[in-house]
């Protein structure tokens, strides 16, 4: 009987630790995603300034240099642009933002979606300002997350360990 209790305690502690690490991993993934998006938007802005090429060519070019989910996002947008006319670019962009970036906060996804309302509809300067503004916003969010992450990580891991210990104490 004692062996079963010890095994149960080990499983509960392992589960609570895994839960804490999983949450911390999600925070780290969001941090990396913000970095990828900022880099992709920076590349997009640079390409737009230099080449002023059509958006499908621009997105494809930048997707070849982008990393992670930002790369897939730009490729998906390029692919979906074949359906322009059936739906607007803003609708395509917004749908892909919602689908590709569930790890981002609602505000971050809204900011990216607003960018899609500007691209292709405004003059070059307005598009460049919109890209710069979106990059700046995401940069602020990245800075905030980087500042909060160490404390948040300690809190999450501490709480998950404490919850596991309390559960073990109640079991015994």
Protein backbone atom coordinates (compact mmCIF):
# COMPACT_ATOMS: atom_id res chain seq x y z
CA UNK A 1 0.00 0.00 0.00
CA UNK A 2 2.83 2.38 0.85
CA UNK A 3 4.45 1.71 -2.54
CA UNK A 4 1.25 2.73 -4.30
CA UNK A 5 1.14 5.97 -2.33
CA UNK A 6 4.77 6.73 -3.14
CA UNK A 7 4.15 5.98 -6.81
CA UNK A 8 1.06 8.20 -6.75
CA UNK A 9 3.04 11.00 -5.10
CA UNK A 10 5.77 10.73 -7.73
CA UNK A 11 3.19 10.85 -10.52
CA UNK A 12 1.42 13.88 -9.02
CA UNK A 13 4.69 15.77 -8.54
CA UNK A 14 5.83 14.87 -12.05
CA UNK A 15 2.52 15.98 -13.51
CA UNK A 16 2.55 19.30 -11.73
CA UNK A 17 6.17 19.94 -12.75
CA UNK A 18 5.34 19.05 -16.36
CA UNK A 19 2.38 21.41 -16.25
CA UNK A 20 4.62 24.27 -15.08
CA UNK A 21 7.24 23.54 -17.73
CA UNK A 22 4.55 23.40 -20.40
CA UNK A 23 3.31 26.88 -19.53
CA UNK A 24 6.88 28.23 -19.52
CA UNK A 25 7.46 26.58 -22.89
CA UNK A 26 4.39 28.35 -24.32
CA UNK A 27 5.76 31.70 -23.10
CA UNK A 28 9.12 30.96 -24.72
CA UNK A 29 7.37 29.99 -27.98
CA UNK A 30 5.47 33.29 -27.97
CA UNK A 31 8.72 35.17 -27.40
CA UNK A 32 10.35 33.41 -30.36
CA UNK A 33 7.28 34.00 -32.52
CA UNK A 34 7.38 37.73 -31.81
CA UNK A 35 11.06 37.79 -32.81
CA UNK A 36 10.30 35.93 -36.04
CA UNK A 37 7.45 38.29 -36.91
CA UNK A 38 9.49 41.42 -36.22
CA UNK A 39 12.28 40.09 -38.44
CA UNK A 40 9.83 39.18 -41.22
CA UNK A 41 8.14 42.60 -41.08
CA UNK A 42 11.55 44.29 -41.14
CA UNK A 43 12.49 42.28 -44.23
CA UNK A 44 9.13 43.04 -45.82
CA UNK A 45 9.57 46.75 -45.20
CA UNK A 46 13.08 46.69 -46.66
CA UNK A 47 11.98 44.79 -49.76
CA UNK A 48 9.02 47.11 -50.26
CA UNK A 49 11.28 50.18 -50.03
CA UNK A 50 13.88 48.78 -52.42
CA UNK A 51 11.94 46.82 -55.01
CA UNK A 52 8.32 47.90 -54.72
CA UNK A 53 7.45 44.52 -56.27
CA UNK A 54 3.93 43.04 -56.30
CA UNK A 55 2.93 41.59 -52.95
CA UNK A 56 2.96 37.91 -53.96
CA UNK A 57 6.57 38.28 -55.12
CA UNK A 58 7.47 40.27 -52.02
CA UNK A 59 5.90 37.77 -49.63
CA UNK A 60 7.56 34.84 -51.39
CA UNK A 61 10.94 36.57 -51.35
CA UNK A 62 10.69 37.41 -47.65
CA UNK A 63 9.35 33.96 -46.76
CA UNK A 64 12.58 32.48 -48.11
CA UNK A 65 14.50 34.46 -45.46
CA UNK A 66 11.93 34.38 -42.67
CA UNK A 67 11.98 31.73 -39.98
CA UNK A 68 9.46 29.49 -38.30
CA UNK A 69 5.79 30.34 -38.39
CA UNK A 70 6.40 33.73 -40.02
CA UNK A 71 7.80 31.91 -43.06
CA UNK A 72 4.78 29.61 -43.29
CA UNK A 73 2.41 32.52 -42.76
CA UNK A 74 3.85 34.51 -45.69
CA UNK A 75 3.78 31.44 -47.94
CA UNK A 76 0.18 30.73 -47.00
CA UNK A 77 -0.83 34.34 -47.68
CA UNK A 78 0.91 34.16 -51.06
CA UNK A 79 -0.95 30.94 -51.88
CA UNK A 80 -4.31 32.32 -50.75
CA UNK A 81 -3.81 35.49 -52.82
CA UNK A 82 -4.78 33.42 -55.86
CA UNK A 83 -8.33 33.82 -54.57
CA UNK A 84 -8.25 37.62 -54.71
CA UNK A 85 -11.52 38.81 -56.16
CA UNK A 86 -13.47 36.17 -54.27
CA UNK A 87 -12.31 37.81 -51.06
CA UNK A 88 -10.26 40.88 -50.22
CA UNK A 89 -6.60 40.89 -49.30
CA UNK A 90 -7.50 42.16 -45.83
CA UNK A 91 -9.80 39.15 -45.28
CA UNK A 92 -7.14 36.72 -46.48
CA UNK A 93 -4.45 38.34 -44.31
CA UNK A 94 -6.67 38.50 -41.23
CA UNK A 95 -7.81 34.87 -41.54
CA UNK A 96 -4.21 33.70 -41.93
CA UNK A 97 -3.13 35.78 -38.90
CA UNK A 98 -5.82 34.15 -36.76
CA UNK A 99 -4.98 30.67 -38.06
CA UNK A 100 -1.19 30.88 -37.96
CA UNK A 101 -0.64 32.70 -34.67
CA UNK A 102 -2.89 31.39 -31.89
CA UNK A 103 0.05 31.78 -29.46
CA UNK A 104 -0.10 35.57 -29.80
CA UNK A 105 -2.40 37.64 -27.60
CA UNK A 106 -5.64 38.94 -29.09
CA UNK A 107 -4.20 42.47 -29.20
CA UNK A 108 -1.13 41.29 -31.11
CA UNK A 109 -3.25 39.42 -33.64
CA UNK A 110 -5.50 42.49 -34.01
CA UNK A 111 -2.46 44.68 -34.71
CA UNK A 112 -1.24 42.26 -37.39
CA UNK A 113 -4.74 42.10 -38.87
CA UNK A 114 -4.90 45.90 -39.08
CA UNK A 115 -1.68 45.82 -41.07
CA UNK A 116 -3.46 43.71 -43.67
CA UNK A 117 -6.08 46.43 -44.06
CA UNK A 118 -3.36 48.88 -45.09
CA UNK A 119 -1.19 46.75 -47.36
CA UNK A 120 -2.20 47.03 -50.99
CA UNK A 121 -4.72 49.81 -50.37
CA UNK A 122 -2.55 52.78 -49.49
CA UNK A 123 0.38 54.51 -51.13
CA UNK A 124 3.91 53.28 -50.52
CA UNK A 125 4.66 55.72 -47.69
CA UNK A 126 1.50 54.77 -45.79
CA UNK A 127 2.30 51.07 -46.20
CA UNK A 128 5.84 51.62 -44.95
CA UNK A 129 4.53 53.60 -41.95
CA UNK A 130 2.03 50.82 -41.20
CA UNK A 131 4.80 48.19 -41.33
CA UNK A 132 7.04 50.32 -39.09
CA UNK A 133 4.17 50.90 -36.66
CA UNK A 134 3.33 47.21 -36.45
CA UNK A 135 7.00 46.35 -35.94
CA UNK A 136 7.26 48.97 -33.19
CA UNK A 137 4.16 47.63 -31.45
CA UNK A 138 5.37 44.04 -31.60
CA UNK A 139 8.80 45.23 -30.42
CA UNK A 140 7.21 46.79 -27.34
CA UNK A 141 5.29 43.61 -26.65
CA UNK A 142 8.51 41.62 -27.05
CA UNK A 143 10.34 43.91 -24.60
CA UNK A 144 7.53 43.62 -22.07
CA UNK A 145 7.51 39.85 -22.37
CA UNK A 146 11.29 39.64 -22.00
CA UNK A 147 11.10 41.70 -18.80
CA UNK A 148 8.22 39.67 -17.35
CA UNK A 149 9.41 36.23 -18.38
CA UNK A 150 11.98 35.48 -15.63
CA UNK A 151 9.62 36.45 -12.81
CA UNK A 152 6.68 34.75 -14.46
CA UNK A 153 8.73 31.58 -14.95
CA UNK A 154 9.69 31.49 -11.27
CA UNK A 155 6.08 32.11 -10.24
CA UNK A 156 4.65 29.41 -12.50
CA UNK A 157 7.21 26.79 -11.55
CA UNK A 158 6.84 27.66 -7.85
CA UNK A 159 3.05 27.49 -7.98
CA UNK A 160 3.01 24.22 -9.90
CA UNK A 161 5.49 22.67 -7.43
CA UNK A 162 3.44 23.95 -4.49
CA UNK A 163 0.21 22.61 -6.00
CA UNK A 164 1.86 19.24 -6.50
CA UNK A 165 3.12 19.17 -2.91
CA UNK A 166 -0.27 20.15 -1.49
CA UNK A 167 -1.92 17.44 -3.56
CA UNK A 168 0.60 14.87 -2.31
CA UNK A 169 0.07 15.94 1.30
CA UNK A 170 -3.71 15.64 0.89
CA UNK A 171 -3.30 12.20 -0.67
CA UNK A 172 -1.20 10.90 2.19
